[in-house]
Amino acid sequence: MNSAALEGFIKIFLVLILVSAAFITTRRNITSFFRTYSIQSLFIAIVALSLFFQEKVQVLLYVALLTLVSKVIFIPLILTHEAVP
């Protein structure tokens, strides 16, 4: 993927992060809040992964993987299990 296309891709996901932040502030149901948090975290992981492909900095790959495992999968799973008996 060329650099201009990758930058456009990153900008789209940065806008989606902002939109998901607006959704998080309006959530009334706790499970929908966790779902929106997970989706926003997925967008953050995608941005970090895209930046890794663009910049070739190893730390960005680690950030993307840790975000994916912890904030997209593990934390929402634990919180949803604790919130909904």
Protein backbone atom coordinates (compact mmCIF):
# COMPACT_ATOMS: atom_id res chain seq x y z
CA MET A 1 0.00 0.00 0.00
CA ASN A 2 1.45 3.38 -0.91
CA SER A 3 2.07 6.13 1.62
CA ALA A 4 -0.76 8.44 0.53
CA ALA A 5 -3.34 5.66 0.69
CA LEU A 6 -2.06 4.58 4.10
CA GLU A 7 -2.29 8.14 5.42
CA GLY A 8 -5.89 8.38 4.17
CA PHE A 9 -6.66 5.05 5.82
CA ILE A 10 -5.20 6.29 9.12
CA LYS A 11 -7.21 9.54 8.93
CA ILE A 12 -10.43 7.58 8.43
CA PHE A 13 -9.76 5.50 11.52
CA LEU A 14 -8.82 8.56 13.57
CA VAL A 15 -12.24 10.03 12.71
CA LEU A 16 -13.88 6.73 13.68
CA ILE A 17 -12.07 6.90 17.04
CA LEU A 18 -13.56 10.35 17.65
CA VAL A 19 -17.04 9.20 16.60
CA SER A 20 -16.82 6.19 18.89
CA ALA A 21 -15.79 8.51 21.74
CA ALA A 22 -19.02 10.42 21.19
CA PHE A 23 -20.97 7.15 21.31
CA ILE A 24 -19.23 6.16 24.55
CA THR A 25 -20.41 9.35 26.25
CA THR A 26 -24.03 8.65 25.26
CA ARG A 27 -24.24 4.97 26.27
CA ARG A 28 -26.70 4.21 29.03
CA ASN A 29 -26.48 0.42 28.98
CA ILE A 30 -23.29 -0.99 30.51
CA THR A 31 -22.93 -3.82 27.99
CA SER A 32 -23.26 -1.44 25.04
CA PHE A 33 -20.67 0.79 26.71
CA PHE A 34 -18.22 -2.12 26.87
CA ARG A 35 -18.96 -3.03 23.24
CA THR A 36 -18.33 0.54 22.09
CA TYR A 37 -15.12 0.65 24.18
CA SER A 38 -13.99 -2.55 22.49
CA ILE A 39 -14.73 -1.20 19.02
CA GLN A 40 -12.87 2.03 19.78
CA SER A 41 -9.90 0.02 21.02
CA LEU A 42 -9.97 -2.00 17.79
CA PHE A 43 -9.75 1.25 15.82
CA ILE A 44 -6.77 2.31 17.94
CA ALA A 45 -5.06 -1.03 17.28
CA ILE A 46 -5.68 -0.65 13.54
CA VAL A 47 -4.14 2.83 13.58
CA ALA A 48 -1.08 1.54 15.47
CA LEU A 49 -0.73 -1.35 13.03
CA SER A 50 -1.04 0.99 10.05
CA LEU A 51 1.60 3.27 11.51
CA PHE A 52 3.83 0.23 12.00
CA PHE A 53 3.54 -0.60 8.29
CA GLN A 54 4.26 3.00 7.39
CA GLU A 55 7.14 3.73 9.80
CA LYS A 56 8.56 0.22 10.39
CA VAL A 57 8.99 0.91 14.13
CA GLN A 58 8.76 -2.33 16.12
CA VAL A 59 7.18 -0.67 19.17
CA LEU A 60 4.08 0.19 17.14
CA LEU A 61 3.54 -3.49 16.39
CA TYR A 62 3.77 -4.30 20.11
CA VAL A 63 1.32 -1.50 20.93
CA ALA A 64 -1.12 -2.80 18.32
CA LEU A 65 -0.91 -6.38 19.58
CA LEU A 66 -1.18 -5.43 23.26
CA THR A 67 -4.14 -3.17 22.53
CA LEU A 68 -5.85 -5.91 20.56
CA VAL A 69 -5.34 -8.58 23.20
CA SER A 70 -6.01 -6.47 26.29
CA LYS A 71 -8.48 -3.73 25.34
CA VAL A 72 -10.38 -5.48 22.55
CA ILE A 73 -10.60 -9.01 23.94
CA PHE A 74 -9.56 -9.45 27.57
CA ILE A 75 -10.81 -6.35 29.43
CA PRO A 76 -14.30 -6.23 27.82
CA LEU A 77 -14.70 -9.96 28.42
CA ILE A 78 -13.87 -9.62 32.12
CA LEU A 79 -15.97 -6.47 32.61
CA THR A 80 -18.99 -7.87 30.78
CA HIS A 81 -18.79 -11.06 32.82
CA GLU A 82 -18.63 -9.05 36.06
CA ALA A 83 -21.34 -6.55 35.09
CA VAL A 84 -23.91 -9.06 33.88
CA PRO A 85 -24.55 -11.86 36.38
